[in-house]
Protein backbone atom coordinates (compact mmCIF):
# COMPACT_ATOMS: atom_id res chain seq x y z
CA UNK A 1 0.00 0.00 0.00
CA UNK A 2 1.38 3.41 -0.97
CA UNK A 3 1.81 6.01 1.75
CA UNK A 4 -0.12 9.20 1.30
CA UNK A 5 1.55 12.41 2.31
CA UNK A 6 -0.67 15.35 2.88
CA UNK A 7 0.37 18.95 3.07
CA UNK A 8 -0.08 20.48 6.49
CA UNK A 9 -3.37 22.29 6.94
CA UNK A 10 -3.07 26.04 6.45
CA UNK A 11 -3.99 28.00 9.54
CA UNK A 12 -4.21 31.77 9.91
CA UNK A 13 -5.23 33.60 13.07
CA UNK A 14 -5.11 37.19 14.26
CA UNK A 15 -3.64 37.17 17.76
CA UNK A 16 -3.70 40.92 18.43
CA UNK A 17 -4.03 44.23 16.61
CA UNK A 18 -2.58 47.33 18.25
CA UNK A 19 -1.23 50.81 17.66
CA UNK A 20 2.53 50.69 18.03
CA UNK A 21 3.39 54.37 17.46
CA UNK A 22 1.50 57.61 16.82
CA UNK A 23 2.77 61.06 15.87
CA UNK A 24 0.92 64.26 15.00
CA UNK A 25 2.72 67.54 14.37
CA UNK A 26 1.47 70.98 13.38
CA UNK A 27 4.75 72.87 13.01
CA UNK A 28 3.17 76.06 11.68
CA UNK A 29 0.19 76.48 13.95
CA UNK A 30 -1.57 78.72 14.67
CA UNK A 31 -0.58 80.62 11.48
CA UNK A 32 -1.67 77.73 9.24
CA UNK A 33 -5.27 78.17 10.43
CA UNK A 34 -5.38 81.71 9.05
CA UNK A 35 -4.44 80.71 5.48
CA UNK A 36 -6.82 79.62 2.75
CA UNK A 37 -7.23 75.83 2.99
CA UNK A 38 -5.91 74.39 -0.28
CA UNK A 39 -4.11 71.28 0.89
CA UNK A 40 -1.73 69.02 -1.00
CA UNK A 41 -1.48 65.56 0.55
CA UNK A 42 1.59 63.35 0.41
CA UNK A 43 0.91 59.79 1.48
CA UNK A 44 3.52 57.11 2.27
CA UNK A 45 3.27 53.48 3.36
CA UNK A 46 5.84 51.13 4.83
CA UNK A 47 5.69 47.61 6.22
CA UNK A 48 7.89 45.56 8.48
CA UNK A 49 7.76 41.89 9.50
CA UNK A 50 9.37 40.36 12.57
CA UNK A 51 9.33 36.68 13.51
CA UNK A 52 8.30 36.26 17.14
CA UNK A 53 8.24 32.55 17.95
CA UNK A 54 9.56 29.76 15.80
CA UNK A 55 8.23 30.06 12.29
CA UNK A 56 4.57 30.48 13.08
CA UNK A 57 4.09 33.78 14.99
CA UNK A 58 4.81 37.11 13.30
CA UNK A 59 4.46 40.80 14.02
CA UNK A 60 3.51 42.75 10.91
CA UNK A 61 3.59 46.53 11.20
CA UNK A 62 2.20 49.05 8.75
CA UNK A 63 3.39 52.65 8.94
CA UNK A 64 1.14 55.24 7.32
CA UNK A 65 2.41 58.81 6.99
CA UNK A 66 0.34 61.73 5.71
CA UNK A 67 2.05 65.08 5.17
CA UNK A 68 -0.29 67.93 4.26
CA UNK A 69 0.96 71.24 2.91
CA UNK A 70 -0.69 74.48 1.91
CA UNK A 71 1.68 75.89 -0.65
CA UNK A 72 5.17 75.50 0.81
CA UNK A 73 3.89 75.48 4.41
CA UNK A 74 3.47 72.19 6.24
CA UNK A 75 0.03 72.21 7.81
CA UNK A 76 0.47 68.89 9.60
CA UNK A 77 2.20 65.56 9.59
CA UNK A 78 0.32 62.52 10.90
CA UNK A 79 1.98 59.14 11.26
CA UNK A 80 0.61 55.89 12.64
CA UNK A 81 2.36 52.56 13.01
CA UNK A 82 -0.39 49.95 13.25
CA UNK A 83 0.74 46.45 14.10
CA UNK A 84 -0.65 43.00 14.48
CA UNK A 85 0.48 39.64 15.72
CA UNK A 86 -0.48 36.88 13.30
CA UNK A 87 -0.19 33.11 13.60
CA UNK A 88 0.49 31.34 10.31
CA UNK A 89 1.06 27.62 9.90
CA UNK A 90 1.14 25.32 6.90
CA UNK A 91 2.00 28.00 4.33
CA UNK A 92 4.92 27.27 2.04
CA UNK A 93 7.70 29.77 1.39
CA UNK A 94 6.05 31.10 -1.79
CA UNK A 95 2.83 31.83 0.09
CA UNK A 96 4.42 33.57 3.08
CA UNK A 97 5.55 36.63 1.08
CA UNK A 98 2.05 37.55 -0.12
CA UNK A 99 0.61 36.80 3.33
CA UNK A 100 3.10 39.15 5.06
CA UNK A 101 3.38 41.73 2.29
CA UNK A 102 -0.26 42.00 1.25
CA UNK A 103 -2.81 40.04 3.27
CA UNK A 104 -1.75 41.18 6.76
CA UNK A 105 -1.21 44.88 5.82
CA UNK A 106 -4.67 44.80 4.21
CA UNK A 107 -6.09 43.79 7.61
CA UNK A 108 -4.17 46.56 9.40
CA UNK A 109 -4.89 49.44 7.01
CA UNK A 110 -8.46 50.25 8.13
CA UNK A 111 -7.23 50.66 11.71
CA UNK A 112 -4.40 52.97 10.61
CA UNK A 113 -6.75 54.94 8.35
CA UNK A 114 -9.16 55.51 11.26
CA UNK A 115 -6.32 56.58 13.58
CA UNK A 116 -5.02 59.10 10.99
CA UNK A 117 -8.53 60.51 10.50
CA UNK A 118 -9.03 60.88 14.27
CA UNK A 119 -5.66 62.60 14.75
CA UNK A 120 -6.29 65.09 11.96
CA UNK A 121 -9.77 65.96 13.21
CA UNK A 122 -8.57 66.36 16.81
CA UNK A 123 -5.78 68.58 15.48
CA UNK A 124 -8.41 71.07 14.27
CA UNK A 125 -8.18 70.29 10.56
CA UNK A 126 -10.83 69.07 8.11
CA UNK A 127 -11.26 65.31 8.12
CA UNK A 128 -8.73 63.36 6.06
CA UNK A 129 -10.11 60.16 4.58
CA UNK A 130 -7.40 58.05 3.00
CA UNK A 131 -8.44 56.07 -0.07
CA UNK A 132 -8.30 52.26 0.03
CA UNK A 133 -4.96 50.73 -0.93
CA UNK A 134 -4.44 47.77 -3.24
CA UNK A 135 -1.79 45.90 -1.26
CA UNK A 136 -1.79 43.03 -3.78
CA UNK A 137 -0.68 45.42 -6.53
CA UNK A 138 1.90 47.10 -4.27
CA UNK A 139 3.35 43.72 -3.28
CA UNK A 140 3.51 42.60 -6.93
CA UNK A 141 5.23 45.87 -7.88
CA UNK A 142 7.73 45.44 -5.02
CA UNK A 143 8.54 41.88 -6.09
CA UNK A 144 9.00 43.01 -9.70
CA UNK A 145 11.43 45.72 -8.55
CA UNK A 146 13.39 43.17 -6.50
CA UNK A 147 13.67 40.86 -9.52
CA UNK A 148 14.87 43.67 -11.77
CA UNK A 149 17.38 45.12 -9.29
CA UNK A 150 20.07 42.42 -9.60
CA UNK A 151 19.93 42.43 -13.40
CA UNK A 152 20.31 46.20 -13.60
CA UNK A 153 23.28 46.08 -11.21
CA UNK A 154 25.03 43.48 -13.35
CA UNK A 155 24.61 45.64 -16.46
CA UNK A 156 26.27 48.68 -14.86
């Protein structure tokens, strides 16, 4: 009788979601409140992954930074580092990248978006609602850049 080998069952669980760091600055207040409100928003994202226990428990953190200017004057800078502890088992190496680089940040983003909105409103500014982010596309773009980087270095 032939032995059957089965792949381990895939398990994913959210252990905890928390705010790791928060910053809100209004370097030009109160003068900024006297200017006409014509904001330009600069929006940046960053992620970080840290293995906590063995190969099954991970901290994924998503940093969202919004810098808003009126002309050349910075009205405010809001930054939130939203983190989560995730348990992942049974995923192969090819699946872990998308889980850490796309799936988990997608879970964290609504929390970070809400925190940014609350900070901005409490800072006395009009509400800032960040648009949804396609983390799948960002992860794919990142992977494409990583694949192209070594080939461009070897050409130079």
